[in-house]
Amino acid sequence: YEDDLDSVTSWIDETENRLKMEAELKIDLLDTAGQLSKAEAEHSLIEENKRSVDQLLERSNIVLQHHAEPKVSTTVVEQSTRYQALLAASKRTKSRFSQFQKD
């Protein structure tokens, strides 16, 4: 469980930072196709990591069955919420670049 938690937390931290930096970049009207492609790749990567988040949830349930540890539940819910926020943010970014490319 601890290894999965560390791995997911680390990945989420890195991805959040990357998305923040990308969100701060101005839209390059000359390269909307490239930006859209990059946003789509990032979104796919986030979707691919859902399995890691699900695995963390499964392992935390096993831990909770043997130990009533409220911190485990709170931590896992927090990471799951952060993952959902990443997924939503990447969808918005992808949609934004797609719209700019259409315009």
Protein backbone atom coordinates (compact mmCIF):
# COMPACT_ATOMS: atom_id res chain seq x y z
CA TYR A 1 0.00 0.00 0.00
CA GLU A 2 2.72 2.48 0.99
CA ASP A 3 4.65 1.93 -2.25
CA ASP A 4 1.49 2.39 -4.32
CA LEU A 5 0.62 5.53 -2.37
CA ASP A 6 4.09 7.00 -2.89
CA SER A 7 4.03 6.15 -6.58
CA VAL A 8 0.57 7.62 -7.22
CA THR A 9 1.26 10.70 -5.11
CA SER A 10 4.53 11.35 -6.90
CA TRP A 11 2.94 10.90 -10.32
CA ILE A 12 0.02 13.19 -9.42
CA ASP A 13 2.40 15.88 -8.11
CA GLU A 14 4.46 15.79 -11.31
CA THR A 15 1.40 15.81 -13.55
CA GLU A 16 -0.24 18.68 -11.64
CA ASN A 17 2.94 20.75 -12.00
CA ARG A 18 3.19 19.96 -15.71
CA LEU A 19 -0.46 20.90 -16.30
CA LYS A 20 -0.03 24.14 -14.34
CA MET A 21 2.96 25.12 -16.47
CA GLU A 22 1.10 24.27 -19.67
CA ALA A 23 -1.98 26.19 -18.55
CA GLU A 24 0.15 29.28 -17.98
CA LEU A 25 1.50 29.18 -21.52
CA LYS A 26 -0.21 31.44 -23.98
CA ILE A 27 -2.02 29.79 -26.83
CA ASP A 28 0.16 29.86 -29.92
CA LEU A 29 -2.29 30.48 -32.74
CA LEU A 30 0.29 29.27 -35.24
CA ASP A 31 0.70 25.91 -33.51
CA THR A 32 -2.76 24.93 -32.30
CA ALA A 33 -2.42 21.48 -33.92
CA GLY A 34 0.79 20.81 -32.00
CA GLN A 35 -0.69 22.08 -28.76
CA LEU A 36 -3.82 19.97 -29.30
CA SER A 37 -1.69 16.91 -29.97
CA LYS A 38 0.29 17.52 -26.78
CA ALA A 39 -2.92 18.02 -24.76
CA GLU A 40 -4.39 14.80 -26.17
CA ALA A 41 -1.22 12.89 -25.28
CA GLU A 42 -1.28 14.27 -21.73
CA HIS A 43 -4.95 13.33 -21.37
CA SER A 44 -4.23 9.79 -22.60
CA LEU A 45 -1.38 9.46 -20.12
CA ILE A 46 -3.68 10.52 -17.29
CA GLU A 47 -6.31 8.00 -18.39
CA GLU A 48 -3.65 5.27 -18.54
CA ASN A 49 -2.70 5.94 -14.92
CA LYS A 50 -6.24 5.25 -13.72
CA ARG A 51 -5.16 1.65 -13.15
CA SER A 52 -2.53 2.80 -10.63
CA VAL A 53 -5.14 4.83 -8.76
CA ASP A 54 -7.56 1.90 -8.81
CA GLN A 55 -4.83 -0.40 -7.51
CA LEU A 56 -4.17 2.02 -4.67
CA LEU A 57 -7.88 1.97 -3.80
CA GLU A 58 -7.91 -1.83 -3.79
CA ARG A 59 -4.84 -2.08 -1.57
CA SER A 60 -6.18 0.54 0.81
CA ASN A 61 -9.39 -1.47 1.17
CA ILE A 62 -7.31 -4.50 2.14
CA VAL A 63 -5.45 -2.42 4.73
CA LEU A 64 -8.72 -1.04 6.08
CA GLN A 65 -10.16 -4.55 6.45
CA HIS A 66 -7.34 -5.44 8.82
CA HIS A 67 -6.75 -2.10 10.53
CA ALA A 68 -9.22 0.66 11.27
CA GLU A 69 -6.89 3.42 10.12
CA PRO A 70 -8.81 6.63 9.27
CA LYS A 71 -5.69 8.24 7.82
CA VAL A 72 -5.54 5.57 5.10
CA SER A 73 -9.07 6.30 3.99
CA THR A 74 -8.57 10.06 4.06
CA THR A 75 -5.31 9.86 2.12
CA VAL A 76 -6.73 7.59 -0.56
CA VAL A 77 -9.82 9.75 -1.01
CA GLU A 78 -7.55 12.78 -1.35
CA GLN A 79 -5.41 11.13 -4.05
CA SER A 80 -8.48 9.87 -5.88
CA THR A 81 -9.96 13.38 -5.83
CA ARG A 82 -6.70 14.85 -7.13
CA TYR A 83 -6.69 12.28 -9.93
CA GLN A 84 -10.26 13.20 -10.92
CA ALA A 85 -9.29 16.88 -10.92
CA LEU A 86 -6.33 16.12 -13.23
CA LEU A 87 -8.60 14.21 -15.57
CA ALA A 88 -11.10 17.08 -15.68
CA ALA A 89 -8.37 19.69 -16.20
CA SER A 90 -6.82 17.74 -19.05
CA LYS A 91 -10.24 17.38 -20.70
CA ARG A 92 -10.75 21.15 -20.46
CA THR A 93 -7.30 21.84 -21.90
CA LYS A 94 -7.85 19.39 -24.74
CA SER A 95 -11.24 20.92 -25.47
CA ARG A 96 -9.83 24.45 -25.40
CA PHE A 97 -7.10 23.65 -27.94
CA SER A 98 -9.58 21.75 -30.07
CA GLN A 99 -11.86 24.79 -30.14
CA PHE A 100 -8.99 27.13 -31.05
CA GLN A 101 -7.98 24.80 -33.86
CA LYS A 102 -11.54 24.84 -35.23
CA ASP A 103 -11.67 28.64 -35.09
